[in-house]
Amino acid sequence: MAGQLIVSVSGLDTRTLPHAIGFSEQLRARSVPLSLFVAPRLKGGYRLDGDRPTADWLTERRSAGDAIVLHGYDEAATKHRRSEFAVLQAHEANLRLMAADRILEHLGLRTRLFAAPGWMVSPGVTMALPRNGFRLLAGLSGITDMIREATVRTRVLGIGAGFLAEPWWCRTLVLSADRTARRGGIVRLAVSARQLHEPGPRQAVLDAVDLALMHGCTPTVYRWTPRPALLDAA
């Protein structure tokens, strides 16, 4: 049985936008949509609502079939060595989710999908997500339907943003994607936009995509639908 292929890009901002655009065009040529991980605020004073080119591109890509996934709120306010949503109590998680949701709604990018920076969420975040209208949680080792409380077990294969980017790891990622695709699993590839200007990491992701497609994986994005299927086509 053929599997599925999900490719996500995080770390989108003014500096990384050109690399993300080039990568998206390479995937578009393969008829592969992207799941775009978006954070309203990043380190260095970056604010998405002050970055019109990136916001406009995200709007354009969503209209073309890509998915917008909330990926944190304010990286700069996070304690050193801790992912933003890894240890929050429900109350604080609720405040951050509401603030992020308001910003994305203002930009026309509101989403019901969530993936935490570092892929780790605390029990408080798990509780706060459905209370704030979020329906799907993309985690490190599974994709959870927050409404049905059902999880599909499938691990992320990533480069950058907490994952390694060395040549040996890039080779491992390609081999792992090949194995998952061969057995009809869900190939989840995640890359930081900051790595996309490097030929090695970018080519590793493209090689993994090509292998998944060769094995018949269906390209899709993170999404939630009222129907029971956790991962439907767009």
C-alpha atoms as a PDB file:
ATOM      1  CA  MET A   1       0.000   0.000   0.000  1.00  0.00           C
ATOM      2  CA  ALA A   2       1.320   3.448  -0.923  1.00  0.00           C
ATOM      3  CA  GLY A   3       2.090   5.912   1.841  1.00  0.00           C
ATOM      4  CA  GLN A   4       1.951   9.678   2.182  1.00  0.00           C
ATOM      5  CA  LEU A   5       4.505  12.469   1.962  1.00  0.00           C
ATOM      6  CA  ILE A   6       4.439  15.647   4.056  1.00  0.00           C
ATOM      7  CA  VAL A   7       7.146  18.300   3.665  1.00  0.00           C
ATOM      8  CA  SER A   8       7.319  21.226   6.095  1.00  0.00           C
ATOM      9  CA  VAL A   9       9.481  24.354   6.258  1.00  0.00           C
ATOM     10  CA  SER A  10      10.049  26.400   9.426  1.00  0.00           C
ATOM     11  CA  GLY A  11      12.060  29.516  10.309  1.00  0.00           C
ATOM     12  CA  LEU A  12      10.403  31.741   7.720  1.00  0.00           C
ATOM     13  CA  ASP A  13      11.367  35.405   7.883  1.00  0.00           C
ATOM     14  CA  THR A  14      12.771  38.215   5.744  1.00  0.00           C
ATOM     15  CA  ARG A  15      16.231  36.660   5.412  1.00  0.00           C
ATOM     16  CA  THR A  16      15.109  33.118   4.644  1.00  0.00           C
ATOM     17  CA  LEU A  17      12.200  33.979   2.347  1.00  0.00           C
ATOM     18  CA  PRO A  18      14.234  33.837  -0.904  1.00  0.00           C
ATOM     19  CA  HIS A  19      15.492  30.346  -0.020  1.00  0.00           C
ATOM     20  CA  ALA A  20      11.974  29.192   0.855  1.00  0.00           C
ATOM     21  CA  ILE A  21      10.622  30.547  -2.418  1.00  0.00           C
ATOM     22  CA  GLY A  22      13.259  28.695  -4.425  1.00  0.00           C
ATOM     23  CA  PHE A  23      12.614  25.463  -2.526  1.00  0.00           C
ATOM     24  CA  SER A  24       8.850  25.767  -2.962  1.00  0.00           C
ATOM     25  CA  GLU A  25       9.332  26.151  -6.709  1.00  0.00           C
ATOM     26  CA  GLN A  26      11.380  22.951  -6.801  1.00  0.00           C
ATOM     27  CA  LEU A  27       8.617  21.119  -4.950  1.00  0.00           C
ATOM     28  CA  ARG A  28       5.922  22.678  -7.129  1.00  0.00           C
ATOM     29  CA  ALA A  29       7.665  21.164 -10.144  1.00  0.00           C
ATOM     30  CA  ARG A  30       7.160  17.805  -8.414  1.00  0.00           C
ATOM     31  CA  SER A  31       3.504  18.588  -7.535  1.00  0.00           C
ATOM     32  CA  VAL A  32       4.352  18.492  -3.821  1.00  0.00           C
ATOM     33  CA  PRO A  33       2.636  21.040  -1.533  1.00  0.00           C
ATOM     34  CA  LEU A  34       4.294  22.485   1.550  1.00  0.00           C
ATOM     35  CA  SER A  35       3.261  22.788   5.172  1.00  0.00           C
ATOM     36  CA  LEU A  36       4.565  26.220   6.185  1.00  0.00           C
ATOM     37  CA  PHE A  37       5.382  26.580   9.889  1.00  0.00           C
ATOM     38  CA  VAL A  38       4.716  30.176  10.909  1.00  0.00           C
ATOM     39  CA  ALA A  39       5.666  32.024  14.102  1.00  0.00           C
ATOM     40  CA  PRO A  40       4.458  35.613  14.697  1.00  0.00           C
ATOM     41  CA  ARG A  41       7.682  36.578  16.504  1.00  0.00           C
ATOM     42  CA  LEU A  42      11.250  35.323  16.331  1.00  0.00           C
ATOM     43  CA  LYS A  43      14.579  36.236  17.908  1.00  0.00           C
ATOM     44  CA  GLY A  44      16.234  39.460  16.828  1.00  0.00           C
ATOM     45  CA  GLY A  45      13.057  41.519  17.043  1.00  0.00           C
ATOM     46  CA  TYR A  46      11.391  39.897  14.042  1.00  0.00           C
ATOM     47  CA  ARG A  47       7.625  40.308  13.750  1.00  0.00           C
ATOM     48  CA  LEU A  48       5.611  38.705  10.984  1.00  0.00           C
ATOM     49  CA  ASP A  49       3.073  41.541  11.017  1.00  0.00           C
ATOM     50  CA  GLY A  50       5.922  43.896  10.082  1.00  0.00           C
ATOM     51  CA  ASP A  51       7.127  41.686   7.232  1.00  0.00           C
ATOM     52  CA  ARG A  52       4.666  42.263   4.405  1.00  0.00           C
ATOM     53  CA  PRO A  53       6.581  40.322   1.708  1.00  0.00           C
ATOM     54  CA  THR A  54       6.646  37.142   3.796  1.00  0.00           C
ATOM     55  CA  ALA A  55       3.005  37.511   4.871  1.00  0.00           C
ATOM     56  CA  ASP A  56       1.931  38.094   1.268  1.00  0.00           C
ATOM     57  CA  TRP A  57       3.889  35.063   0.070  1.00  0.00           C
ATOM     58  CA  LEU A  58       2.332  32.880   2.766  1.00  0.00           C
ATOM     59  CA  THR A  59      -1.126  34.057   1.704  1.00  0.00           C
ATOM     60  CA  GLU A  60      -0.313  33.259  -1.914  1.00  0.00           C
ATOM     61  CA  ARG A  61       1.019  29.807  -1.063  1.00  0.00           C
ATOM     62  CA  ARG A  62      -2.017  28.970   1.067  1.00  0.00           C
ATOM     63  CA  SER A  63      -4.285  29.897  -1.862  1.00  0.00           C
ATOM     64  CA  ALA A  64      -2.234  27.528  -4.028  1.00  0.00           C
ATOM     65  CA  GLY A  65      -2.787  24.591  -1.651  1.00  0.00           C
ATOM     66  CA  ASP A  66      -0.022  24.867   0.944  1.00  0.00           C
ATOM     67  CA  ALA A  67      -0.912  24.627   4.637  1.00  0.00           C
ATOM     68  CA  ILE A  68      -0.239  27.218   7.340  1.00  0.00           C
ATOM     69  CA  VAL A  69       0.762  25.705  10.689  1.00  0.00           C
ATOM     70  CA  LEU A  70       1.207  27.816  13.830  1.00  0.00           C
ATOM     71  CA  HIS A  71       4.744  27.237  15.098  1.00  0.00           C
ATOM     72  CA  GLY A  72       4.961  29.081  18.388  1.00  0.00           C
ATOM     73  CA  TYR A  73       4.351  32.665  19.390  1.00  0.00           C
ATOM     74  CA  ASP A  74       7.416  34.502  20.715  1.00  0.00           C
ATOM     75  CA  GLU A  75      10.727  32.680  20.448  1.00  0.00           C
ATOM     76  CA  ALA A  76      12.594  35.640  21.961  1.00  0.00           C
ATOM     77  CA  ALA A  77      10.664  35.376  25.231  1.00  0.00           C
ATOM     78  CA  THR A  78      11.565  31.713  25.733  1.00  0.00           C
ATOM     79  CA  LYS A  79      14.079  30.649  28.366  1.00  0.00           C
ATOM     80  CA  HIS A  80      17.447  29.502  27.054  1.00  0.00           C
ATOM     81  CA  ARG A  81      17.625  25.791  26.176  1.00  0.00           C
ATOM     82  CA  ARG A  82      13.854  25.340  26.474  1.00  0.00           C
ATOM     83  CA  SER A  83      11.455  25.072  23.561  1.00  0.00           C
ATOM     84  CA  GLU A  84       8.656  27.587  23.845  1.00  0.00           C
ATOM     85  CA  PHE A  85       5.765  25.214  24.517  1.00  0.00           C
ATOM     86  CA  ALA A  86       7.645  22.344  26.168  1.00  0.00           C
ATOM     87  CA  VAL A  87       6.983  23.205  29.820  1.00  0.00           C
ATOM     88  CA  LEU A  88       4.097  25.703  29.880  1.00  0.00           C
ATOM     89  CA  GLN A  89       1.154  25.450  32.219  1.00  0.00           C
ATOM     90  CA  ALA A  90      -2.273  25.567  30.589  1.00  0.00           C
ATOM     91  CA  HIS A  91      -2.901  29.207  31.566  1.00  0.00           C
ATOM     92  CA  GLU A  92       0.294  30.551  30.007  1.00  0.00           C
ATOM     93  CA  ALA A  93      -0.144  28.337  26.952  1.00  0.00           C
ATOM     94  CA  ASN A  94      -3.642  29.738  26.574  1.00  0.00           C
ATOM     95  CA  LEU A  95      -2.327  33.318  26.590  1.00  0.00           C
ATOM     96  CA  ARG A  96       0.358  32.604  23.992  1.00  0.00           C
ATOM     97  CA  LEU A  97      -2.025  30.709  21.721  1.00  0.00           C
ATOM     98  CA  MET A  98      -4.607  33.497  21.875  1.00  0.00           C
ATOM     99  CA  ALA A  99      -1.977  36.144  21.098  1.00  0.00           C
ATOM    100  CA  ALA A 100      -0.582  34.177  18.156  1.00  0.00           C
ATOM    101  CA  ASP A 101      -4.061  33.430  16.861  1.00  0.00           C
ATOM    102  CA  ARG A 102      -5.004  37.123  16.882  1.00  0.00           C
ATOM    103  CA  ILE A 103      -1.925  38.080  14.876  1.00  0.00           C
ATOM    104  CA  LEU A 104      -2.441  35.386  12.256  1.00  0.00           C
ATOM    105  CA  GLU A 105      -6.136  36.240  11.998  1.00  0.00           C
ATOM    106  CA  HIS A 106      -5.235  39.899  11.413  1.00  0.00           C
ATOM    107  CA  LEU A 107      -2.891  38.818   8.601  1.00  0.00           C
ATOM    108  CA  GLY A 108      -5.475  36.516   7.048  1.00  0.00           C
ATOM    109  CA  LEU A 109      -3.389  33.461   7.962  1.00  0.00           C
ATOM    110  CA  ARG A 110      -5.432  31.967  10.772  1.00  0.00           C
ATOM    111  CA  THR A 111      -4.968  28.218  11.139  1.00  0.00           C
ATOM    112  CA  ARG A 112      -6.288  25.368  13.255  1.00  0.00           C
ATOM    113  CA  LEU A 113      -3.030  23.411  12.976  1.00  0.00           C
ATOM    114  CA  PHE A 114      -0.177  23.537  15.489  1.00  0.00           C
ATOM    115  CA  ALA A 115       3.395  22.277  15.674  1.00  0.00           C
ATOM    116  CA  ALA A 116       5.513  23.386  18.615  1.00  0.00           C
ATOM    117  CA  PRO A 117       9.076  24.663  18.258  1.00  0.00           C
ATOM    118  CA  GLY A 118      11.240  21.653  19.040  1.00  0.00           C
ATOM    119  CA  TRP A 119       8.147  19.486  18.493  1.00  0.00           C
ATOM    120  CA  MET A 120       7.641  19.158  22.261  1.00  0.00           C
ATOM    121  CA  VAL A 121       4.471  20.177  24.120  1.00  0.00           C
ATOM    122  CA  SER A 122       3.598  20.052  27.804  1.00  0.00           C
ATOM    123  CA  PRO A 123       0.372  18.532  29.151  1.00  0.00           C
ATOM    124  CA  GLY A 124      -0.828  22.103  29.703  1.00  0.00           C
ATOM    125  CA  VAL A 125      -0.383  22.910  26.016  1.00  0.00           C
ATOM    126  CA  THR A 126      -2.198  19.719  25.020  1.00  0.00           C
ATOM    127  CA  MET A 127      -5.090  20.878  27.183  1.00  0.00           C
ATOM    128  CA  ALA A 128      -5.056  24.461  25.875  1.00  0.00           C
ATOM    129  CA  LEU A 129      -4.922  23.672  22.153  1.00  0.00           C
ATOM    130  CA  PRO A 130      -8.500  22.402  21.635  1.00  0.00           C
ATOM    131  CA  ARG A 131      -9.813  25.070  24.014  1.00  0.00           C
ATOM    132  CA  ASN A 132      -8.417  27.636  21.594  1.00  0.00           C
ATOM    133  CA  GLY A 133      -9.878  25.971  18.533  1.00  0.00           C
ATOM    134  CA  PHE A 134      -6.818  24.035  17.384  1.00  0.00           C
ATOM    135  CA  ARG A 135      -7.702  20.681  15.882  1.00  0.00           C
ATOM    136  CA  LEU A 136      -4.439  19.077  14.816  1.00  0.00           C
ATOM    137  CA  LEU A 137      -1.113  18.749  16.623  1.00  0.00           C
ATOM    138  CA  ALA A 138       1.966  17.710  14.648  1.00  0.00           C
ATOM    139  CA  GLY A 139       4.396  16.198  17.134  1.00  0.00           C
ATOM    140  CA  LEU A 140       7.807  14.580  16.915  1.00  0.00           C
ATOM    141  CA  SER A 141       6.519  11.011  16.819  1.00  0.00           C
ATOM    142  CA  GLY A 142       2.899  11.399  15.766  1.00  0.00           C
ATOM    143  CA  ILE A 143       0.068  13.485  14.352  1.00  0.00           C
ATOM    144  CA  THR A 144      -2.800  13.979  16.790  1.00  0.00           C
ATOM    145  CA  ASP A 145      -6.411  14.808  16.032  1.00  0.00           C
ATOM    146  CA  MET A 146      -7.209  16.961  19.057  1.00  0.00           C
ATOM    147  CA  ILE A 147     -10.960  16.631  18.580  1.00  0.00           C
ATOM    148  CA  ARG A 148     -11.110  12.847  18.248  1.00  0.00           C
ATOM    149  CA  GLU A 149      -8.132  12.329  20.594  1.00  0.00           C
ATOM    150  CA  ALA A 150      -6.563   9.961  18.067  1.00  0.00           C
ATOM    151  CA  THR A 151      -2.904   9.813  17.062  1.00  0.00           C
ATOM    152  CA  VAL A 152      -1.233   8.425  13.967  1.00  0.00           C
ATOM    153  CA  ARG A 153       2.256   7.247  14.938  1.00  0.00           C
ATOM    154  CA  THR A 154       4.843   8.585  12.498  1.00  0.00           C
ATOM    155  CA  ARG A 155       8.194  10.193  13.243  1.00  0.00           C
ATOM    156  CA  VAL A 156       9.614  13.413  11.805  1.00  0.00           C
ATOM    157  CA  LEU A 157      12.794  13.310   9.725  1.00  0.00           C
ATOM    158  CA  GLY A 158      14.317  16.753  10.001  1.00  0.00           C
ATOM    159  CA  ILE A 159      17.253  18.981   9.087  1.00  0.00           C
ATOM    160  CA  GLY A 160      17.969  22.066  11.192  1.00  0.00           C
ATOM    161  CA  ALA A 161      15.734  23.606  13.885  1.00  0.00           C
ATOM    162  CA  GLY A 162      16.875  21.123  16.511  1.00  0.00           C
ATOM    163  CA  PHE A 163      17.901  18.402  14.073  1.00  0.00           C
ATOM    164  CA  LEU A 164      21.409  17.926  12.740  1.00  0.00           C
ATOM    165  CA  ALA A 165      22.500  19.130   9.305  1.00  0.00           C
ATOM    166  CA  GLU A 166      25.840  17.309   8.890  1.00  0.00           C
ATOM    167  CA  PRO A 167      26.422  15.230   5.741  1.00  0.00           C
ATOM    168  CA  TRP A 168      26.124  11.906   7.570  1.00  0.00           C
ATOM    169  CA  TRP A 169      22.754  12.939   8.995  1.00  0.00           C
ATOM    170  CA  CYS A 170      21.508  14.063   5.586  1.00  0.00           C
ATOM    171  CA  ARG A 171      22.369  10.610   4.226  1.00  0.00           C
ATOM    172  CA  THR A 172      20.581   8.990   7.156  1.00  0.00           C
ATOM    173  CA  LEU A 173      17.495  11.087   6.485  1.00  0.00           C
ATOM    174  CA  VAL A 174      17.364   9.992   2.851  1.00  0.00           C
ATOM    175  CA  LEU A 175      17.769   6.319   3.772  1.00  0.00           C
ATOM    176  CA  SER A 176      15.112   6.574   6.495  1.00  0.00           C
ATOM    177  CA  ALA A 177      12.669   8.242   4.117  1.00  0.00           C
ATOM    178  CA  ASP A 178      13.289   5.483   1.600  1.00  0.00           C
ATOM    179  CA  ARG A 179      12.559   2.760   4.169  1.00  0.00           C
ATOM    180  CA  THR A 180       9.372   4.463   5.362  1.00  0.00           C
ATOM    181  CA  ALA A 181       8.116   4.977   1.814  1.00  0.00           C
ATOM    182  CA  ARG A 182       8.855   1.368   0.853  1.00  0.00           C
ATOM    183  CA  ARG A 183       6.604   0.060   3.627  1.00  0.00           C
ATOM    184  CA  GLY A 184       3.796   2.504   2.827  1.00  0.00           C
ATOM    185  CA  GLY A 185       4.237   4.769   5.832  1.00  0.00           C
ATOM    186  CA  ILE A 186       3.939   8.528   6.228  1.00  0.00           C
ATOM    187  CA  VAL A 187       7.176  10.239   5.236  1.00  0.00           C
ATOM    188  CA  ARG A 188       7.381  13.468   7.252  1.00  0.00           C
ATOM    189  CA  LEU A 189      10.242  15.694   6.138  1.00  0.00           C
ATOM    190  CA  ALA A 190      10.965  18.902   8.049  1.00  0.00           C
ATOM    191  CA  VAL A 191      13.608  21.459   7.130  1.00  0.00           C
ATOM    192  CA  SER A 192      14.544  24.826   8.557  1.00  0.00           C
ATOM    193  CA  ALA A 193      14.497  27.571   5.936  1.00  0.00           C
ATOM    194  CA  ARG A 194      17.880  28.632   7.295  1.00  0.00           C
ATOM    195  CA  GLN A 195      19.331  25.393   5.871  1.00  0.00           C
ATOM    196  CA  LEU A 196      17.859  25.783   2.399  1.00  0.00           C
ATOM    197  CA  HIS A 197      20.725  27.945   1.118  1.00  0.00           C
ATOM    198  CA  GLU A 198      23.098  25.042   1.803  1.00  0.00           C
ATOM    199  CA  PRO A 199      23.314  22.673  -1.194  1.00  0.00           C
ATOM    200  CA  GLY A 200      23.773  19.523   0.910  1.00  0.00           C
ATOM    201  CA  PRO A 201      20.725  19.787   3.193  1.00  0.00           C
ATOM    202  CA  ARG A 202      18.494  21.086   0.408  1.00  0.00           C
ATOM    203  CA  GLN A 203      19.486  18.250  -1.924  1.00  0.00           C
ATOM    204  CA  ALA A 204      19.000  15.672   0.832  1.00  0.00           C
ATOM    205  CA  VAL A 205      15.382  16.766   1.284  1.00  0.00           C
ATOM    206  CA  LEU A 206      14.801  16.763  -2.472  1.00  0.00           C
ATOM    207  CA  ASP A 207      16.344  13.279  -2.765  1.00  0.00           C
ATOM    208  CA  ALA A 208      14.066  12.043   0.031  1.00  0.00           C
ATOM    209  CA  VAL A 209      11.061  13.603  -1.720  1.00  0.00           C
ATOM    210  CA  ASP A 210      11.977  11.954  -5.017  1.00  0.00           C
ATOM    211  CA  LEU A 211      12.355   8.539  -3.375  1.00  0.00           C
ATOM    212  CA  ALA A 212       8.997   8.883  -1.619  1.00  0.00           C
ATOM    213  CA  LEU A 213       7.337   9.810  -4.899  1.00  0.00           C
ATOM    214  CA  MET A 214       9.086   6.935  -6.685  1.00  0.00           C
ATOM    215  CA  HIS A 215       7.569   4.540  -4.139  1.00  0.00           C
ATOM    216  CA  GLY A 216       4.105   5.962  -4.799  1.00  0.00           C
ATOM    217  CA  CYS A 217       3.640   8.158  -1.724  1.00  0.00           C
ATOM    218  CA  THR A 218       0.821  10.680  -2.081  1.00  0.00           C
ATOM    219  CA  PRO A 219       1.966  14.281  -1.476  1.00  0.00           C
ATOM    220  CA  THR A 220      -0.204  16.047   1.093  1.00  0.00           C
ATOM    221  CA  VAL A 221      -0.056  18.588   3.923  1.00  0.00           C
ATOM    222  CA  TYR A 222      -0.940  18.720   7.590  1.00  0.00           C
ATOM    223  CA  ARG A 223      -4.701  19.227   7.777  1.00  0.00           C
ATOM    224  CA  TRP A 224      -7.787  18.459   9.815  1.00  0.00           C
ATOM    225  CA  THR A 225     -11.117  17.534   8.276  1.00  0.00           C
ATOM    226  CA  PRO A 226     -14.510  16.707   9.805  1.00  0.00           C
ATOM    227  CA  ARG A 227     -14.222  13.259   8.222  1.00  0.00           C
ATOM    228  CA  PRO A 228     -12.511  10.479  10.186  1.00  0.00           C
ATOM    229  CA  ALA A 229      -9.399  10.389   7.956  1.00  0.00           C
ATOM    230  CA  LEU A 230      -6.627  12.257   9.755  1.00  0.00           C
ATOM    231  CA  LEU A 231      -4.696  13.079   6.630  1.00  0.00           C
ATOM    232  CA  ASP A 232      -6.982  13.679   3.649  1.00  0.00           C
ATOM    233  CA  ALA A 233      -5.986  15.182   0.340  1.00  0.00           C
ATOM    234  CA  ALA A 234      -6.227  18.945  -0.059  1.00  0.00           C
END
